[in-house]
Amino acid sequence: MATALSLTPSSSSNPQFHRKTLTNRIPHPTTRRSLFSSSALLLSSAPLFAILPSSATPPSPPPVPASATPTFFELPGSGGVRALDLREGYGEIPVDGDQVSIHYYGRLAAKQGWRFDSTYDHKDEMGDPVPFLFVLGSGKVISGIEAAVKSMKVGGIRRVIIPPSQGYQNMSQEPIPPDFFDRQRLFTTIFNPTRLANGEGSTLGTLIFDIELVSARHP
């Protein structure tokens, strides 16, 4: 009786085939550097709507071409504020003395990006988000926000990383979170005397703001 020939090589008859098969199945190791690079790119290029609460409906920035990699740049004369434009505006650039209205999403870097306030959560009687109003150049808001808005166009959306020197210098500077517990947690972190004495002041007050310039009115 004739024995049928097998077309599939076995590990016993062809050890070289078995070794090659196992090698092909082993996934290529992912290095720590490649993981860090991927995460950094994702954070820097994430659109505003990706981190806003589900109830917010801000306009989405236009898609970024695959060949373009968004990068932060330092705003001239800002004291170290770095910015990333998520959407280019279409209107005029405000000047000192203008009353500007912005929507913002504020986070604290020292608390792993904890969101301490968002104007999209401040609703009027109709349930619409209420923007934050201030006079540009008045000195009532933190310097980092003023620096960011001064070079924006109405309709633009910009993410800024604000160093402590351009952030909250006292507890009366705006914007102030309306929720008592959020406000207490924010200021007790930034002005923690023990951590400041330990030399952590260069990181405690670092802020991350996503800002949408809604309007600018001349006086």
N, C-alpha and C. Protein backbone atom coordinates (compact mmCIF):
# COMPACT_ATOMS: atom_id res chain seq x y z
N MET A 1 0.85 -1.20 0.00
CA MET A 1 0.00 0.00 0.00
C MET A 1 0.88 1.25 0.00
N ALA A 2 0.62 2.19 -0.89
CA ALA A 2 1.47 3.38 -1.03
C ALA A 2 1.16 4.38 0.08
N THR A 3 2.17 4.98 0.57
CA THR A 3 2.01 6.00 1.62
C THR A 3 1.88 7.37 1.00
N ALA A 4 0.82 8.13 1.43
CA ALA A 4 0.58 9.46 0.86
C ALA A 4 1.65 10.42 1.34
N LEU A 5 2.14 11.27 0.41
CA LEU A 5 3.16 12.27 0.76
C LEU A 5 2.50 13.49 1.37
N SER A 6 3.07 14.01 2.46
CA SER A 6 2.55 15.22 3.12
C SER A 6 3.24 16.44 2.54
N LEU A 7 2.46 17.46 2.16
CA LEU A 7 3.00 18.70 1.60
C LEU A 7 3.34 19.70 2.69
N THR A 8 2.97 19.42 3.95
CA THR A 8 3.23 20.34 5.05
C THR A 8 4.39 19.84 5.87
N PRO A 9 5.52 20.55 5.86
CA PRO A 9 6.68 20.07 6.60
C PRO A 9 6.42 20.15 8.09
N SER A 10 6.92 19.14 8.83
CA SER A 10 6.75 19.11 10.27
C SER A 10 8.02 19.58 10.94
N SER A 11 7.93 19.84 12.26
CA SER A 11 9.09 20.31 12.99
C SER A 11 10.17 19.25 13.06
N SER A 12 9.78 17.94 13.04
CA SER A 12 10.77 16.89 13.13
C SER A 12 11.49 16.70 11.80
N SER A 13 10.76 16.86 10.67
CA SER A 13 11.36 16.63 9.37
C SER A 13 12.07 17.86 8.84
N ASN A 14 11.70 19.03 9.34
CA ASN A 14 12.30 20.26 8.83
C ASN A 14 12.48 21.25 9.97
N PRO A 15 13.49 21.09 10.81
CA PRO A 15 13.70 21.98 11.96
C PRO A 15 13.94 23.41 11.54
N GLN A 16 14.52 23.64 10.34
CA GLN A 16 14.81 25.01 9.89
C GLN A 16 13.51 25.78 9.68
N PHE A 17 12.50 25.10 9.12
CA PHE A 17 11.18 25.71 8.89
C PHE A 17 10.53 26.07 10.23
N HIS A 18 10.64 25.18 11.21
CA HIS A 18 10.04 25.41 12.51
C HIS A 18 10.67 26.63 13.19
N ARG A 19 11.99 26.77 13.09
CA ARG A 19 12.68 27.90 13.71
C ARG A 19 12.26 29.21 13.05
N LYS A 20 12.13 29.23 11.73
CA LYS A 20 11.75 30.44 11.01
C LYS A 20 10.33 30.85 11.35
N THR A 21 9.44 29.87 11.49
CA THR A 21 8.05 30.15 11.81
C THR A 21 7.93 30.81 13.17
N LEU A 22 8.66 30.26 14.17
CA LEU A 22 8.60 30.84 15.50
C LEU A 22 9.16 32.25 15.52
N THR A 23 10.21 32.48 14.75
CA THR A 23 10.82 33.80 14.71
C THR A 23 9.86 34.83 14.16
N ASN A 24 9.11 34.44 13.13
CA ASN A 24 8.16 35.36 12.51
C ASN A 24 7.01 35.72 13.44
N ARG A 25 6.73 34.82 14.39
CA ARG A 25 5.61 35.07 15.28
C ARG A 25 5.97 35.94 16.47
N ILE A 26 7.25 36.16 16.72
CA ILE A 26 7.65 36.97 17.86
C ILE A 26 7.50 38.44 17.49
N PRO A 27 6.68 39.20 18.22
CA PRO A 27 6.49 40.61 17.86
C PRO A 27 7.75 41.40 18.11
N HIS A 28 7.92 42.46 17.26
CA HIS A 28 9.08 43.32 17.40
C HIS A 28 8.95 44.11 18.69
N PRO A 29 9.96 44.15 19.55
CA PRO A 29 9.84 44.84 20.83
C PRO A 29 9.66 46.33 20.62
N THR A 30 8.83 46.93 21.49
CA THR A 30 8.58 48.38 21.45
C THR A 30 9.45 49.04 22.50
N THR A 31 10.27 49.97 22.11
CA THR A 31 11.18 50.62 23.04
C THR A 31 10.46 51.70 23.82
N ARG A 32 11.04 52.05 24.99
CA ARG A 32 10.46 53.11 25.81
C ARG A 32 10.47 54.43 25.07
N ARG A 33 11.53 54.65 24.27
CA ARG A 33 11.63 55.92 23.52
C ARG A 33 10.52 56.04 22.51
N SER A 34 10.20 54.94 21.81
CA SER A 34 9.15 55.02 20.78
C SER A 34 7.80 55.27 21.41
N LEU A 35 7.55 54.67 22.60
CA LEU A 35 6.28 54.90 23.28
C LEU A 35 6.17 56.36 23.72
N PHE A 36 7.27 56.90 24.26
CA PHE A 36 7.24 58.30 24.71
C PHE A 36 7.00 59.24 23.55
N SER A 37 7.66 58.98 22.41
CA SER A 37 7.49 59.86 21.24
C SER A 37 6.07 59.84 20.74
N SER A 38 5.46 58.65 20.71
CA SER A 38 4.09 58.53 20.23
C SER A 38 3.13 59.28 21.15
N SER A 39 3.33 59.14 22.48
CA SER A 39 2.45 59.81 23.43
C SER A 39 2.59 61.31 23.35
N ALA A 40 3.82 61.79 23.21
CA ALA A 40 4.03 63.23 23.13
C ALA A 40 3.37 63.82 21.90
N LEU A 41 3.47 63.13 20.78
CA LEU A 41 2.84 63.62 19.55
C LEU A 41 1.34 63.65 19.68
N LEU A 42 0.77 62.62 20.35
CA LEU A 42 -0.67 62.56 20.53
C LEU A 42 -1.17 63.71 21.38
N LEU A 43 -0.45 64.02 22.49
CA LEU A 43 -0.87 65.10 23.38
C LEU A 43 -0.77 66.45 22.70
N SER A 44 0.31 66.64 21.94
CA SER A 44 0.52 67.96 21.34
C SER A 44 -0.42 68.23 20.19
N SER A 45 -0.92 67.18 19.54
CA SER A 45 -1.76 67.39 18.36
C SER A 45 -3.23 67.10 18.62
N ALA A 46 -3.60 66.74 19.88
CA ALA A 46 -4.99 66.41 20.17
C ALA A 46 -5.86 67.63 19.96
N PRO A 47 -6.98 67.51 19.23
CA PRO A 47 -7.88 68.65 19.04
C PRO A 47 -8.58 69.02 20.33
N LEU A 48 -9.08 70.25 20.40
CA LEU A 48 -9.72 70.75 21.60
C LEU A 48 -10.90 69.89 22.01
N PHE A 49 -11.72 69.45 21.07
CA PHE A 49 -12.93 68.71 21.42
C PHE A 49 -12.61 67.37 22.07
N ALA A 50 -11.37 66.88 21.90
CA ALA A 50 -11.01 65.58 22.47
C ALA A 50 -10.87 65.64 23.97
N ILE A 51 -10.67 66.83 24.56
CA ILE A 51 -10.48 66.91 26.00
C ILE A 51 -11.57 67.71 26.69
N LEU A 52 -12.55 68.18 25.94
CA LEU A 52 -13.63 68.94 26.53
C LEU A 52 -14.70 68.01 27.06
N PRO A 53 -15.49 68.46 28.06
CA PRO A 53 -16.60 67.63 28.53
C PRO A 53 -17.59 67.37 27.42
N SER A 54 -18.33 66.26 27.56
CA SER A 54 -19.23 65.84 26.48
C SER A 54 -20.32 66.86 26.20
N SER A 55 -20.63 67.72 27.20
CA SER A 55 -21.69 68.70 27.02
C SER A 55 -21.26 69.89 26.18
N ALA A 56 -19.93 70.05 26.02
CA ALA A 56 -19.43 71.19 25.28
C ALA A 56 -19.45 70.91 23.78
N THR A 57 -19.73 71.97 23.01
CA THR A 57 -19.77 71.81 21.57
C THR A 57 -19.00 72.92 20.88
N PRO A 58 -17.70 73.05 21.18
CA PRO A 58 -16.92 74.09 20.49
C PRO A 58 -16.65 73.68 19.06
N PRO A 59 -16.37 74.64 18.18
CA PRO A 59 -16.07 74.29 16.79
C PRO A 59 -14.78 73.48 16.72
N SER A 60 -14.77 72.49 15.83
CA SER A 60 -13.60 71.63 15.71
C SER A 60 -12.56 72.28 14.81
N PRO A 61 -11.26 72.14 15.18
CA PRO A 61 -10.22 72.67 14.30
C PRO A 61 -10.14 71.89 13.01
N PRO A 62 -9.65 72.49 11.94
CA PRO A 62 -9.56 71.77 10.67
C PRO A 62 -8.56 70.64 10.77
N PRO A 63 -8.71 69.61 9.94
CA PRO A 63 -7.76 68.49 9.99
C PRO A 63 -6.36 68.94 9.62
N VAL A 64 -5.37 68.36 10.31
CA VAL A 64 -3.98 68.68 10.03
C VAL A 64 -3.45 67.75 8.96
N PRO A 65 -2.82 68.29 7.92
CA PRO A 65 -2.27 67.41 6.87
C PRO A 65 -1.29 66.41 7.46
N ALA A 66 -1.25 65.22 6.87
CA ALA A 66 -0.40 64.16 7.39
C ALA A 66 1.07 64.57 7.39
N SER A 67 1.45 65.43 6.45
CA SER A 67 2.84 65.82 6.34
C SER A 67 3.24 66.89 7.36
N ALA A 68 2.22 67.52 8.02
CA ALA A 68 2.51 68.60 8.96
C ALA A 68 2.45 68.09 10.39
N THR A 69 3.47 68.38 11.17
CA THR A 69 3.51 67.99 12.57
C THR A 69 3.39 69.23 13.43
N PRO A 70 2.27 69.38 14.17
CA PRO A 70 2.10 70.58 15.00
C PRO A 70 3.19 70.65 16.07
N THR A 71 3.71 71.82 16.30
CA THR A 71 4.73 72.01 17.32
C THR A 71 4.44 73.27 18.12
N PHE A 72 4.84 73.26 19.39
CA PHE A 72 4.71 74.44 20.23
C PHE A 72 5.78 75.46 19.86
N PHE A 73 5.45 76.72 20.00
CA PHE A 73 6.42 77.79 19.79
C PHE A 73 6.28 78.79 20.93
N GLU A 74 7.36 79.48 21.25
CA GLU A 74 7.32 80.44 22.34
C GLU A 74 6.82 81.78 21.83
N LEU A 75 5.85 82.34 22.54
CA LEU A 75 5.29 83.63 22.16
C LEU A 75 6.29 84.73 22.49
N PRO A 76 6.65 85.58 21.53
CA PRO A 76 7.63 86.64 21.78
C PRO A 76 7.20 87.57 22.90
N GLY A 77 8.13 87.85 23.81
CA GLY A 77 7.87 88.77 24.91
C GLY A 77 6.87 88.28 25.93
N SER A 78 6.65 86.97 25.98
CA SER A 78 5.63 86.41 26.87
C SER A 78 6.18 85.90 28.19
N GLY A 79 7.49 85.88 28.33
CA GLY A 79 8.07 85.33 29.56
C GLY A 79 8.10 83.82 29.59
N GLY A 80 8.08 83.21 28.41
CA GLY A 80 8.19 81.75 28.36
C GLY A 80 6.91 81.00 28.08
N VAL A 81 5.84 81.68 27.70
CA VAL A 81 4.58 81.01 27.35
C VAL A 81 4.74 80.33 26.00
N ARG A 82 4.41 79.05 25.94
CA ARG A 82 4.49 78.30 24.69
C ARG A 82 3.09 78.03 24.17
N ALA A 83 2.94 78.11 22.86
CA ALA A 83 1.62 78.02 22.24
C ALA A 83 1.59 77.01 21.11
N LEU A 84 0.41 76.46 20.91
CA LEU A 84 0.15 75.56 19.78
C LEU A 84 -1.20 75.96 19.20
N ASP A 85 -1.22 76.44 17.97
CA ASP A 85 -2.47 76.86 17.34
C ASP A 85 -3.22 75.65 16.82
N LEU A 86 -4.40 75.41 17.39
CA LEU A 86 -5.24 74.30 16.97
C LEU A 86 -6.16 74.70 15.82
N ARG A 87 -6.47 76.00 15.76
CA ARG A 87 -7.24 76.51 14.64
C ARG A 87 -6.91 77.98 14.42
N GLU A 88 -6.62 78.34 13.20
CA GLU A 88 -6.32 79.73 12.87
C GLU A 88 -7.61 80.53 12.86
N GLY A 89 -7.57 81.72 13.45
CA GLY A 89 -8.76 82.56 13.48
C GLY A 89 -9.04 83.22 12.15
N TYR A 90 -10.18 83.86 12.05
CA TYR A 90 -10.60 84.51 10.80
C TYR A 90 -10.82 86.01 10.98
N GLY A 91 -10.82 86.49 12.24
CA GLY A 91 -11.12 87.89 12.50
C GLY A 91 -9.87 88.69 12.81
N GLU A 92 -10.09 89.84 13.43
CA GLU A 92 -8.98 90.74 13.72
C GLU A 92 -8.27 90.35 15.01
N ILE A 93 -7.08 90.91 15.21
CA ILE A 93 -6.30 90.67 16.42
C ILE A 93 -6.62 91.77 17.42
N PRO A 94 -6.96 91.44 18.66
CA PRO A 94 -7.32 92.47 19.64
C PRO A 94 -6.10 93.27 20.09
N VAL A 95 -6.36 94.44 20.65
CA VAL A 95 -5.31 95.31 21.17
C VAL A 95 -5.68 95.69 22.60
N ASP A 96 -4.70 96.23 23.34
CA ASP A 96 -4.96 96.67 24.71
C ASP A 96 -6.13 97.63 24.76
N GLY A 97 -6.99 97.41 25.74
CA GLY A 97 -8.18 98.24 25.89
C GLY A 97 -9.42 97.60 25.33
N ASP A 98 -9.26 96.59 24.47
CA ASP A 98 -10.43 95.88 23.92
C ASP A 98 -11.06 95.00 24.99
N GLN A 99 -12.39 94.90 24.93
CA GLN A 99 -13.07 93.92 25.77
C GLN A 99 -13.15 92.62 24.98
N VAL A 100 -12.51 91.60 25.48
CA VAL A 100 -12.48 90.33 24.76
C VAL A 100 -13.28 89.28 25.53
N SER A 101 -13.84 88.36 24.80
CA SER A 101 -14.53 87.22 25.41
C SER A 101 -13.87 85.95 24.91
N ILE A 102 -13.61 85.05 25.84
CA ILE A 102 -12.95 83.80 25.49
C ILE A 102 -13.67 82.63 26.15
N HIS A 103 -13.55 81.49 25.54
CA HIS A 103 -13.85 80.23 26.21
C HIS A 103 -12.51 79.60 26.53
N TYR A 104 -12.44 78.95 27.66
CA TYR A 104 -11.18 78.31 28.03
C TYR A 104 -11.44 76.99 28.74
N TYR A 105 -10.41 76.19 28.74
CA TYR A 105 -10.39 74.91 29.44
C TYR A 105 -9.06 74.90 30.18
N GLY A 106 -9.08 75.06 31.52
CA GLY A 106 -7.86 75.20 32.30
C GLY A 106 -7.48 73.93 33.04
N ARG A 107 -6.21 73.57 32.93
CA ARG A 107 -5.69 72.39 33.62
C ARG A 107 -4.43 72.74 34.41
N LEU A 108 -4.14 71.96 35.43
CA LEU A 108 -2.98 72.16 36.27
C LEU A 108 -2.00 71.02 36.05
N ALA A 109 -0.80 71.36 35.56
CA ALA A 109 0.18 70.33 35.23
C ALA A 109 0.62 69.55 36.45
N ALA A 110 0.70 70.21 37.62
CA ALA A 110 1.17 69.54 38.83
C ALA A 110 0.22 68.46 39.32
N LYS A 111 -1.00 68.45 38.83
CA LYS A 111 -2.00 67.44 39.21
C LYS A 111 -2.32 66.53 38.02
N GLN A 112 -1.30 66.19 37.24
CA GLN A 112 -1.45 65.31 36.08
C GLN A 112 -2.53 65.81 35.11
N GLY A 113 -2.55 67.13 34.90
CA GLY A 113 -3.50 67.68 33.95
C GLY A 113 -4.91 67.80 34.49
N TRP A 114 -5.05 67.94 35.81
CA TRP A 114 -6.38 68.06 36.42
C TRP A 114 -7.09 69.31 35.91
N ARG A 115 -8.33 69.15 35.46
CA ARG A 115 -9.12 70.28 34.98
C ARG A 115 -9.72 71.00 36.17
N PHE A 116 -9.30 72.26 36.37
CA PHE A 116 -9.81 73.01 37.51
C PHE A 116 -10.94 73.95 37.13
N ASP A 117 -11.10 74.23 35.84
CA ASP A 117 -12.20 75.12 35.44
C ASP A 117 -12.38 75.06 33.92
N SER A 118 -13.61 75.32 33.48
CA SER A 118 -13.91 75.40 32.05
C SER A 118 -15.15 76.28 31.86
N THR A 119 -15.04 77.25 30.97
CA THR A 119 -16.20 78.10 30.71
C THR A 119 -17.32 77.33 30.03
N TYR A 120 -17.01 76.21 29.42
CA TYR A 120 -18.04 75.40 28.78
C TYR A 120 -18.99 74.78 29.81
N ASP A 121 -18.56 74.80 31.09
CA ASP A 121 -19.41 74.31 32.17
C ASP A 121 -20.25 75.43 32.79
N HIS A 122 -19.97 76.69 32.42
CA HIS A 122 -20.71 77.82 32.97
C HIS A 122 -21.87 78.12 32.02
N LYS A 123 -23.09 77.79 32.44
CA LYS A 123 -24.24 77.90 31.55
C LYS A 123 -25.17 79.04 31.97
N ASP A 124 -25.82 79.66 30.97
CA ASP A 124 -26.84 80.66 31.27
C ASP A 124 -28.19 79.98 31.43
N GLU A 125 -29.26 80.81 31.57
CA GLU A 125 -30.59 80.22 31.80
C GLU A 125 -31.09 79.40 30.62
N MET A 126 -30.49 79.60 29.45
CA MET A 126 -30.89 78.83 28.28
C MET A 126 -30.03 77.57 28.11
N GLY A 127 -29.04 77.43 28.99
CA GLY A 127 -28.18 76.25 28.91
C GLY A 127 -27.00 76.41 27.99
N ASP A 128 -26.74 77.65 27.54
CA ASP A 128 -25.61 77.90 26.64
C ASP A 128 -24.37 78.27 27.45
N PRO A 129 -23.17 77.84 27.00
CA PRO A 129 -21.94 78.19 27.71
C PRO A 129 -21.71 79.70 27.73
N VAL A 130 -21.27 80.21 28.87
CA VAL A 130 -21.03 81.65 29.04
C VAL A 130 -19.53 81.91 28.96
N PRO A 131 -19.08 82.72 27.99
CA PRO A 131 -17.65 83.01 27.88
C PRO A 131 -17.16 83.92 29.00
N PHE A 132 -15.86 83.97 29.16
CA PHE A 132 -15.22 84.81 30.16
C PHE A 132 -14.85 86.14 29.52
N LEU A 133 -15.25 87.26 30.16
CA LEU A 133 -15.01 88.61 29.63
C LEU A 133 -13.93 89.30 30.45
N PHE A 134 -13.05 90.03 29.78
CA PHE A 134 -12.09 90.87 30.47
C PHE A 134 -11.54 91.91 29.50
N VAL A 135 -10.94 92.96 30.05
CA VAL A 135 -10.35 94.01 29.24
C VAL A 135 -8.87 93.69 29.06
N LEU A 136 -8.45 93.57 27.82
CA LEU A 136 -7.07 93.21 27.52
C LEU A 136 -6.13 94.33 27.97
N GLY A 137 -5.11 93.96 28.72
CA GLY A 137 -4.15 94.94 29.22
C GLY A 137 -4.50 95.51 30.57
N SER A 138 -5.61 95.06 31.17
CA SER A 138 -6.04 95.59 32.47
C SER A 138 -5.22 95.03 33.62
N GLY A 139 -4.56 93.89 33.40
CA GLY A 139 -3.76 93.27 34.46
C GLY A 139 -4.57 92.46 35.45
N LYS A 140 -5.87 92.29 35.19
CA LYS A 140 -6.72 91.55 36.12
C LYS A 140 -6.62 90.04 35.91
N VAL A 141 -6.21 89.62 34.72
CA VAL A 141 -6.07 88.19 34.45
C VAL A 141 -4.59 87.82 34.45
N ILE A 142 -4.30 86.53 34.55
CA ILE A 142 -2.91 86.09 34.59
C ILE A 142 -2.21 86.46 33.28
N SER A 143 -0.92 86.77 33.39
CA SER A 143 -0.17 87.28 32.24
C SER A 143 -0.15 86.30 31.08
N GLY A 144 -0.12 85.00 31.36
CA GLY A 144 -0.04 84.01 30.29
C GLY A 144 -1.23 84.02 29.37
N ILE A 145 -2.42 84.27 29.92
CA ILE A 145 -3.62 84.34 29.08
C ILE A 145 -3.60 85.61 28.24
N GLU A 146 -3.20 86.72 28.84
CA GLU A 146 -3.11 87.97 28.07
C GLU A 146 -2.12 87.83 26.91
N ALA A 147 -0.98 87.22 27.19
CA ALA A 147 0.02 87.04 26.14
C ALA A 147 -0.51 86.18 25.00
N ALA A 148 -1.29 85.16 25.34
CA ALA A 148 -1.85 84.27 24.32
C ALA A 148 -2.88 84.98 23.47
N VAL A 149 -3.76 85.75 24.09
CA VAL A 149 -4.87 86.39 23.38
C VAL A 149 -4.37 87.53 22.49
N LYS A 150 -3.31 88.21 22.91
CA LYS A 150 -2.83 89.39 22.17
C LYS A 150 -2.40 89.07 20.75
N SER A 151 -2.03 87.84 20.48
CA SER A 151 -1.59 87.50 19.12
C SER A 151 -2.53 86.52 18.44
N MET A 152 -3.75 86.37 18.97
CA MET A 152 -4.75 85.50 18.36
C MET A 152 -5.69 86.31 17.48
N LYS A 153 -6.32 85.63 16.54
CA LYS A 153 -7.39 86.21 15.76
C LYS A 153 -8.72 85.69 16.28
N VAL A 154 -9.75 86.53 16.18
CA VAL A 154 -11.08 86.10 16.61
C VAL A 154 -11.46 84.82 15.86
N GLY A 155 -11.96 83.85 16.60
CA GLY A 155 -12.32 82.57 16.01
C GLY A 155 -11.23 81.52 16.14
N GLY A 156 -10.05 81.93 16.59
CA GLY A 156 -8.95 81.00 16.73
C GLY A 156 -9.01 80.20 18.01
N ILE A 157 -8.36 79.05 18.01
CA ILE A 157 -8.25 78.19 19.19
C ILE A 157 -6.77 77.90 19.39
N ARG A 158 -6.30 78.15 20.60
CA ARG A 158 -4.87 78.01 20.89
C ARG A 158 -4.67 77.30 22.23
N ARG A 159 -3.74 76.36 22.25
CA ARG A 159 -3.33 75.70 23.49
C ARG A 159 -2.05 76.36 23.97
N VAL A 160 -2.01 76.75 25.24
CA VAL A 160 -0.82 77.40 25.78
C VAL A 160 -0.36 76.69 27.05
N ILE A 161 0.95 76.60 27.20
CA ILE A 161 1.57 76.11 28.43
C ILE A 161 2.17 77.32 29.12
N ILE A 162 1.64 77.64 30.30
CA ILE A 162 2.00 78.87 31.01
C ILE A 162 2.91 78.53 32.19
N PRO A 163 4.13 79.05 32.21
CA PRO A 163 5.02 78.80 33.35
C PRO A 163 4.52 79.52 34.60
N PRO A 164 4.96 79.10 35.79
CA PRO A 164 4.47 79.73 37.03
C PRO A 164 4.66 81.24 37.07
N SER A 165 5.74 81.75 36.46
CA SER A 165 6.00 83.19 36.50
C SER A 165 4.96 83.99 35.74
N GLN A 166 4.24 83.34 34.83
CA GLN A 166 3.21 84.02 34.05
C GLN A 166 1.82 83.52 34.40
N GLY A 167 1.74 82.72 35.48
CA GLY A 167 0.47 82.20 35.94
C GLY A 167 -0.05 82.96 37.15
N TYR A 168 -0.65 82.24 38.10
CA TYR A 168 -1.23 82.88 39.28
C TYR A 168 -0.13 83.33 40.24
N GLN A 169 -0.11 84.64 40.50
CA GLN A 169 0.82 85.21 41.48
C GLN A 169 0.12 85.46 42.81
N ASN A 170 -1.19 85.50 42.81
CA ASN A 170 -1.99 85.63 44.03
C ASN A 170 -3.37 85.03 43.76
N MET A 171 -4.19 84.97 44.79
CA MET A 171 -5.49 84.29 44.68
C MET A 171 -6.61 85.21 44.21
N SER A 172 -6.28 86.44 43.81
CA SER A 172 -7.30 87.36 43.30
C SER A 172 -7.24 87.53 41.79
N GLN A 173 -6.21 86.95 41.16
CA GLN A 173 -6.10 87.05 39.71
C GLN A 173 -7.14 86.17 39.03
N GLU A 174 -7.66 86.66 37.94
CA GLU A 174 -8.64 85.89 37.17
C GLU A 174 -7.94 85.11 36.06
N PRO A 175 -8.59 84.06 35.55
CA PRO A 175 -9.91 83.57 35.92
C PRO A 175 -9.89 82.75 37.20
N ILE A 176 -10.90 82.94 38.02
CA ILE A 176 -11.01 82.24 39.30
C ILE A 176 -12.10 81.18 39.18
N PRO A 177 -11.80 79.92 39.46
CA PRO A 177 -12.83 78.88 39.39
C PRO A 177 -13.99 79.21 40.32
N PRO A 178 -15.23 79.16 39.85
CA PRO A 178 -16.37 79.50 40.69
C PRO A 178 -16.66 78.46 41.76
N ASP A 179 -16.27 77.21 41.50
CA ASP A 179 -16.50 76.16 42.49
C ASP A 179 -15.49 76.28 43.63
N PHE A 180 -15.99 76.30 44.87
CA PHE A 180 -15.13 76.51 46.03
C PHE A 180 -14.05 75.44 46.16
N PHE A 181 -14.42 74.18 45.99
CA PHE A 181 -13.47 73.10 46.18
C PHE A 181 -12.41 73.09 45.07
N ASP A 182 -12.81 73.38 43.84
CA ASP A 182 -11.82 73.48 42.77
C ASP A 182 -10.87 74.64 43.02
N ARG A 183 -11.42 75.75 43.48
CA ARG A 183 -10.58 76.93 43.77
C ARG A 183 -9.61 76.65 44.91
N GLN A 184 -10.10 75.98 45.94
CA GLN A 184 -9.24 75.66 47.08
C GLN A 184 -8.12 74.69 46.68
N ARG A 185 -8.47 73.69 45.91
CA ARG A 185 -7.47 72.71 45.50
C ARG A 185 -6.42 73.36 44.59
N LEU A 186 -6.85 74.25 43.71
CA LEU A 186 -5.93 74.93 42.80
C LEU A 186 -4.92 75.76 43.58
N PHE A 187 -5.40 76.62 44.47
CA PHE A 187 -4.52 77.55 45.14
C PHE A 187 -3.68 76.89 46.24
N THR A 188 -4.22 75.88 46.90
CA THR A 188 -3.41 75.19 47.91
C THR A 188 -2.29 74.39 47.27
N THR A 189 -2.47 74.01 46.01
CA THR A 189 -1.39 73.33 45.30
C THR A 189 -0.32 74.32 44.85
N ILE A 190 -0.75 75.41 44.22
CA ILE A 190 0.20 76.39 43.69
C ILE A 190 0.98 77.09 44.80
N PHE A 191 0.28 77.44 45.90
CA PHE A 191 0.92 78.21 46.97
C PHE A 191 1.22 77.36 48.21
N ASN A 192 1.45 76.07 47.99
CA ASN A 192 1.78 75.17 49.10
C ASN A 192 3.13 75.58 49.70
N PRO A 193 3.16 76.07 50.95
CA PRO A 193 4.41 76.58 51.52
C PRO A 193 5.50 75.53 51.67
N THR A 194 5.11 74.31 52.02
CA THR A 194 6.10 73.25 52.20
C THR A 194 6.78 72.90 50.89
N ARG A 195 5.98 72.73 49.85
CA ARG A 195 6.54 72.36 48.56
C ARG A 195 7.32 73.51 47.93
N LEU A 196 6.87 74.74 48.19
CA LEU A 196 7.62 75.90 47.71
C LEU A 196 8.98 75.97 48.39
N ALA A 197 9.01 75.66 49.70
CA ALA A 197 10.27 75.66 50.44
C ALA A 197 11.21 74.57 49.96
N ASN A 198 10.64 73.52 49.40
CA ASN A 198 11.46 72.42 48.88
C ASN A 198 11.96 72.68 47.46
N GLY A 199 11.67 73.86 46.94
CA GLY A 199 12.15 74.23 45.62
C GLY A 199 11.30 73.77 44.47
N GLU A 200 10.01 73.49 44.71
CA GLU A 200 9.12 73.01 43.66
C GLU A 200 8.34 74.14 42.98
N GLY A 201 8.68 75.38 43.30
CA GLY A 201 7.93 76.50 42.75
C GLY A 201 7.98 76.60 41.25
N SER A 202 9.04 76.05 40.63
CA SER A 202 9.17 76.13 39.18
C SER A 202 8.21 75.21 38.44
N THR A 203 7.56 74.31 39.16
CA THR A 203 6.63 73.38 38.50
C THR A 203 5.21 73.44 39.06
N LEU A 204 5.05 73.87 40.30
CA LEU A 204 3.73 73.82 40.94
C LEU A 204 2.68 74.62 40.19
N GLY A 205 3.05 75.79 39.69
CA GLY A 205 2.06 76.67 39.08
C GLY A 205 1.98 76.59 37.57
N THR A 206 2.56 75.57 36.95
CA THR A 206 2.48 75.44 35.49
C THR A 206 1.05 75.12 35.07
N LEU A 207 0.53 75.91 34.15
CA LEU A 207 -0.86 75.78 33.71
C LEU A 207 -0.93 75.42 32.23
N ILE A 208 -2.00 74.74 31.86
CA ILE A 208 -2.28 74.42 30.46
C ILE A 208 -3.68 74.94 30.16
N PHE A 209 -3.77 75.87 29.22
CA PHE A 209 -5.06 76.44 28.85
C PHE A 209 -5.32 76.21 27.36
N ASP A 210 -6.54 75.79 27.05
CA ASP A 210 -7.04 75.81 25.68
C ASP A 210 -7.97 77.02 25.61
N ILE A 211 -7.67 77.93 24.70
CA ILE A 211 -8.39 79.21 24.63
C ILE A 211 -9.01 79.38 23.25
N GLU A 212 -10.28 79.74 23.25
CA GLU A 212 -10.97 80.12 22.01
C GLU A 212 -11.33 81.60 22.11
N LEU A 213 -10.82 82.40 21.20
CA LEU A 213 -11.14 83.83 21.19
C LEU A 213 -12.48 84.02 20.48
N VAL A 214 -13.51 84.34 21.25
CA VAL A 214 -14.86 84.44 20.72
C VAL A 214 -15.10 85.79 20.07
N SER A 215 -14.70 86.89 20.75
CA SER A 215 -14.94 88.23 20.20
C SER A 215 -13.97 89.23 20.79
N ALA A 216 -13.86 90.37 20.15
CA ALA A 216 -13.06 91.49 20.64
C ALA A 216 -13.78 92.78 20.26
N ARG A 217 -14.04 93.62 21.25
CA ARG A 217 -14.76 94.87 21.01
C ARG A 217 -13.89 96.06 21.39
N HIS A 218 -13.80 97.02 20.47
CA HIS A 218 -13.05 98.24 20.75
C HIS A 218 -13.90 99.14 21.66
N PRO A 219 -13.25 99.88 22.55
CA PRO A 219 -14.02 100.77 23.46
C PRO A 219 -14.67 101.93 22.70
